[in-house]
Amino acid sequence: MDESRQPAGAGAVLRKLVPPPALCGFLLLLALMFAVSYGVGAAYGPVAPGMHGTRTGSGGGGTVPHGDSGGMGGMSGMHG
């Protein structure tokens, strides 16, 4: 009966599948902010004194200051 309600073709279908430009802009800005903050963080390193990256390899375990087991719950004698 009423044929004016049907989509005009591929253009109408494509418009329904593509997210709005504001959402695309927001996601692009979010990705850009993440990349910049990651770059700044990598350039300046750790923010607290005494923070070090994890070491890999077979070395003797270092000492833990003030008897703190580093959150291991009494498992400081285990090696792995």
N, C-alpha and C. Protein backbone atom coordinates (compact mmCIF):
# COMPACT_ATOMS: atom_id res chain seq x y z
N MET A 1 0.81 -1.19 0.00
CA MET A 1 0.00 0.00 0.00
C MET A 1 0.86 1.27 0.00
N ASP A 2 1.45 1.58 1.13
CA ASP A 2 2.23 2.79 1.24
C ASP A 2 3.70 2.45 0.99
N GLU A 3 4.20 2.79 -0.19
CA GLU A 3 5.57 2.45 -0.55
C GLU A 3 6.57 3.52 -0.15
N SER A 4 6.15 4.65 0.39
CA SER A 4 7.07 5.72 0.76
C SER A 4 7.81 5.42 2.06
N ARG A 5 7.42 4.41 2.82
CA ARG A 5 8.06 4.07 4.08
C ARG A 5 9.30 3.21 3.89
N GLN A 6 9.47 2.58 2.76
CA GLN A 6 10.61 1.71 2.54
C GLN A 6 11.86 2.54 2.25
N PRO A 7 13.04 2.03 2.66
CA PRO A 7 14.29 2.77 2.43
C PRO A 7 14.54 3.00 0.96
N ALA A 8 15.28 4.04 0.67
CA ALA A 8 15.54 4.42 -0.71
C ALA A 8 16.60 3.54 -1.36
N GLY A 9 17.33 2.77 -0.58
CA GLY A 9 18.34 1.91 -1.17
C GLY A 9 19.51 1.70 -0.22
N ALA A 10 20.68 1.52 -0.82
CA ALA A 10 21.88 1.22 -0.04
C ALA A 10 22.28 2.40 0.84
N GLY A 11 22.00 3.61 0.42
CA GLY A 11 22.36 4.80 1.20
C GLY A 11 21.65 4.84 2.55
N ALA A 12 20.38 4.45 2.57
CA ALA A 12 19.63 4.44 3.82
C ALA A 12 20.13 3.34 4.76
N VAL A 13 20.47 2.20 4.21
CA VAL A 13 20.98 1.09 5.02
C VAL A 13 22.34 1.46 5.59
N LEU A 14 23.18 2.09 4.78
CA LEU A 14 24.51 2.50 5.23
C LEU A 14 24.41 3.53 6.35
N ARG A 15 23.46 4.46 6.24
CA ARG A 15 23.30 5.47 7.28
C ARG A 15 22.89 4.86 8.60
N LYS A 16 22.14 3.76 8.57
CA LYS A 16 21.71 3.11 9.80
C LYS A 16 22.86 2.34 10.45
N LEU A 17 23.82 1.83 9.66
CA LEU A 17 24.91 1.03 10.19
C LEU A 17 26.08 1.87 10.70
N VAL A 18 26.28 3.06 10.15
CA VAL A 18 27.41 3.91 10.54
C VAL A 18 27.05 4.67 11.81
N PRO A 19 27.96 4.66 12.82
CA PRO A 19 27.67 5.40 14.05
C PRO A 19 27.68 6.91 13.78
N PRO A 20 27.04 7.67 14.62
CA PRO A 20 26.98 9.12 14.41
C PRO A 20 28.39 9.74 14.47
N PRO A 21 28.59 10.82 13.76
CA PRO A 21 29.91 11.46 13.73
C PRO A 21 30.39 11.91 15.11
N ALA A 22 29.47 12.31 15.98
CA ALA A 22 29.87 12.74 17.32
C ALA A 22 30.48 11.57 18.10
N LEU A 23 29.94 10.38 17.94
CA LEU A 23 30.50 9.21 18.62
C LEU A 23 31.88 8.87 18.06
N CYS A 24 32.04 8.95 16.76
CA CYS A 24 33.35 8.70 16.14
C CYS A 24 34.37 9.72 16.63
N GLY A 25 33.98 10.97 16.72
CA GLY A 25 34.88 12.01 17.21
C GLY A 25 35.27 11.79 18.66
N PHE A 26 34.30 11.39 19.47
CA PHE A 26 34.58 11.13 20.88
C PHE A 26 35.54 9.96 21.03
N LEU A 27 35.34 8.88 20.30
CA LEU A 27 36.24 7.74 20.38
C LEU A 27 37.64 8.08 19.88
N LEU A 28 37.74 8.90 18.86
CA LEU A 28 39.03 9.34 18.36
C LEU A 28 39.74 10.20 19.41
N LEU A 29 39.02 11.10 20.05
CA LEU A 29 39.60 11.92 21.10
C LEU A 29 40.02 11.07 22.29
N LEU A 30 39.24 10.09 22.65
CA LEU A 30 39.58 9.20 23.75
C LEU A 30 40.85 8.42 23.44
N ALA A 31 40.98 7.90 22.24
CA ALA A 31 42.19 7.17 21.84
C ALA A 31 43.40 8.10 21.83
N LEU A 32 43.23 9.32 21.38
CA LEU A 32 44.33 10.28 21.35
C LEU A 32 44.78 10.63 22.76
N MET A 33 43.84 10.84 23.67
CA MET A 33 44.18 11.16 25.06
C MET A 33 44.91 9.98 25.71
N PHE A 34 44.48 8.76 25.45
CA PHE A 34 45.14 7.59 25.99
C PHE A 34 46.57 7.49 25.47
N ALA A 35 46.76 7.70 24.17
CA ALA A 35 48.09 7.60 23.58
C ALA A 35 49.03 8.67 24.16
N VAL A 36 48.54 9.88 24.32
CA VAL A 36 49.37 10.95 24.88
C VAL A 36 49.72 10.66 26.33
N SER A 37 48.75 10.23 27.13
CA SER A 37 49.03 9.96 28.54
C SER A 37 49.97 8.77 28.69
N TYR A 38 49.84 7.77 27.85
CA TYR A 38 50.74 6.63 27.89
C TYR A 38 52.16 7.06 27.53
N GLY A 39 52.28 7.91 26.51
CA GLY A 39 53.60 8.40 26.11
C GLY A 39 54.27 9.23 27.19
N VAL A 40 53.50 10.09 27.83
CA VAL A 40 54.06 10.91 28.92
C VAL A 40 54.47 10.02 30.08
N GLY A 41 53.65 9.05 30.44
CA GLY A 41 53.98 8.15 31.52
C GLY A 41 55.21 7.32 31.23
N ALA A 42 55.36 6.87 30.00
CA ALA A 42 56.53 6.07 29.62
C ALA A 42 57.79 6.94 29.61
N ALA A 43 57.65 8.21 29.27
CA ALA A 43 58.81 9.09 29.22
C ALA A 43 59.31 9.47 30.61
N TYR A 44 58.41 9.66 31.56
CA TYR A 44 58.81 10.11 32.89
C TYR A 44 59.04 8.98 33.88
N GLY A 45 58.57 7.80 33.59
CA GLY A 45 58.84 6.65 34.46
C GLY A 45 57.93 6.62 35.68
N PRO A 46 58.35 5.87 36.70
CA PRO A 46 57.51 5.70 37.88
C PRO A 46 57.36 7.01 38.66
N VAL A 47 56.25 7.14 39.37
CA VAL A 47 55.97 8.38 40.08
C VAL A 47 56.37 8.33 41.54
N ALA A 48 56.58 7.15 42.08
CA ALA A 48 56.92 7.03 43.50
C ALA A 48 58.38 6.60 43.62
N PRO A 49 59.08 7.16 44.61
CA PRO A 49 60.46 6.73 44.80
C PRO A 49 60.52 5.26 45.21
N GLY A 50 61.47 4.56 44.68
CA GLY A 50 61.63 3.16 45.02
C GLY A 50 60.84 2.21 44.14
N MET A 51 60.02 2.73 43.25
CA MET A 51 59.28 1.85 42.34
C MET A 51 60.21 1.42 41.21
N HIS A 52 60.25 0.14 40.95
CA HIS A 52 61.09 -0.38 39.89
C HIS A 52 60.28 -1.36 39.08
N GLY A 53 60.66 -1.52 37.83
CA GLY A 53 60.00 -2.50 36.98
C GLY A 53 60.37 -3.90 37.43
N THR A 54 59.65 -4.87 36.96
CA THR A 54 59.94 -6.25 37.32
C THR A 54 61.15 -6.72 36.56
N ARG A 55 61.98 -7.50 37.23
CA ARG A 55 63.16 -8.05 36.59
C ARG A 55 62.85 -9.48 36.17
N THR A 56 63.40 -9.87 35.04
CA THR A 56 63.26 -11.24 34.60
C THR A 56 64.62 -11.90 34.63
N GLY A 57 64.65 -13.18 34.77
CA GLY A 57 65.90 -13.90 34.80
C GLY A 57 66.07 -14.61 36.12
N SER A 58 67.17 -15.32 36.24
CA SER A 58 67.41 -16.06 37.46
C SER A 58 68.42 -15.31 38.30
N GLY A 59 67.92 -14.54 39.18
CA GLY A 59 68.79 -13.83 40.10
C GLY A 59 68.33 -14.12 41.50
N GLY A 60 69.18 -13.85 42.45
CA GLY A 60 68.76 -14.04 43.83
C GLY A 60 67.68 -13.04 44.17
N GLY A 61 66.75 -13.46 44.94
CA GLY A 61 65.68 -12.56 45.35
C GLY A 61 66.24 -11.48 46.25
N GLY A 62 65.88 -10.26 46.02
CA GLY A 62 66.36 -9.16 46.84
C GLY A 62 65.70 -9.17 48.19
N THR A 63 66.15 -8.28 49.03
CA THR A 63 65.55 -8.19 50.36
C THR A 63 64.33 -7.31 50.30
N VAL A 64 63.38 -7.59 51.12
CA VAL A 64 62.17 -6.80 51.19
C VAL A 64 62.29 -5.90 52.41
N PRO A 65 62.14 -4.58 52.25
CA PRO A 65 62.35 -3.67 53.37
C PRO A 65 61.30 -3.84 54.47
N HIS A 66 61.72 -3.71 55.70
CA HIS A 66 60.87 -3.69 56.89
C HIS A 66 60.06 -4.97 57.07
N GLY A 67 60.54 -6.07 56.58
CA GLY A 67 59.86 -7.35 56.80
C GLY A 67 58.57 -7.51 56.04
N ASP A 68 58.29 -6.64 55.11
CA ASP A 68 57.06 -6.74 54.31
C ASP A 68 57.25 -7.83 53.26
N SER A 69 56.33 -8.74 53.17
CA SER A 69 56.46 -9.83 52.21
C SER A 69 55.93 -9.46 50.83
N GLY A 70 55.62 -8.21 50.61
CA GLY A 70 55.16 -7.79 49.29
C GLY A 70 53.78 -8.30 48.96
N GLY A 71 52.93 -8.52 49.95
CA GLY A 71 51.57 -8.95 49.71
C GLY A 71 51.45 -10.43 49.42
N MET A 72 52.45 -11.22 49.74
CA MET A 72 52.41 -12.64 49.44
C MET A 72 51.79 -13.44 50.57
N GLY A 73 51.44 -12.84 51.69
CA GLY A 73 50.74 -13.55 52.75
C GLY A 73 51.57 -14.64 53.39
N GLY A 74 52.84 -14.39 53.71
CA GLY A 74 53.67 -15.37 54.38
C GLY A 74 54.32 -16.37 53.46
N MET A 75 54.33 -16.13 52.16
CA MET A 75 54.94 -17.05 51.22
C MET A 75 56.28 -16.54 50.73
N SER A 76 56.99 -15.77 51.58
CA SER A 76 58.23 -15.16 51.13
C SER A 76 59.33 -16.19 50.95
N GLY A 77 59.23 -17.39 51.52
CA GLY A 77 60.26 -18.40 51.36
C GLY A 77 60.14 -19.21 50.10
N MET A 78 59.07 -19.05 49.36
CA MET A 78 58.86 -19.85 48.16
C MET A 78 59.63 -19.23 46.99
N HIS A 79 60.18 -20.08 46.17
CA HIS A 79 60.92 -19.62 44.99
C HIS A 79 60.19 -20.09 43.75
N GLY A 80 60.26 -19.29 42.72
CA GLY A 80 59.55 -19.73 41.54
C GLY A 80 59.87 -18.90 40.41
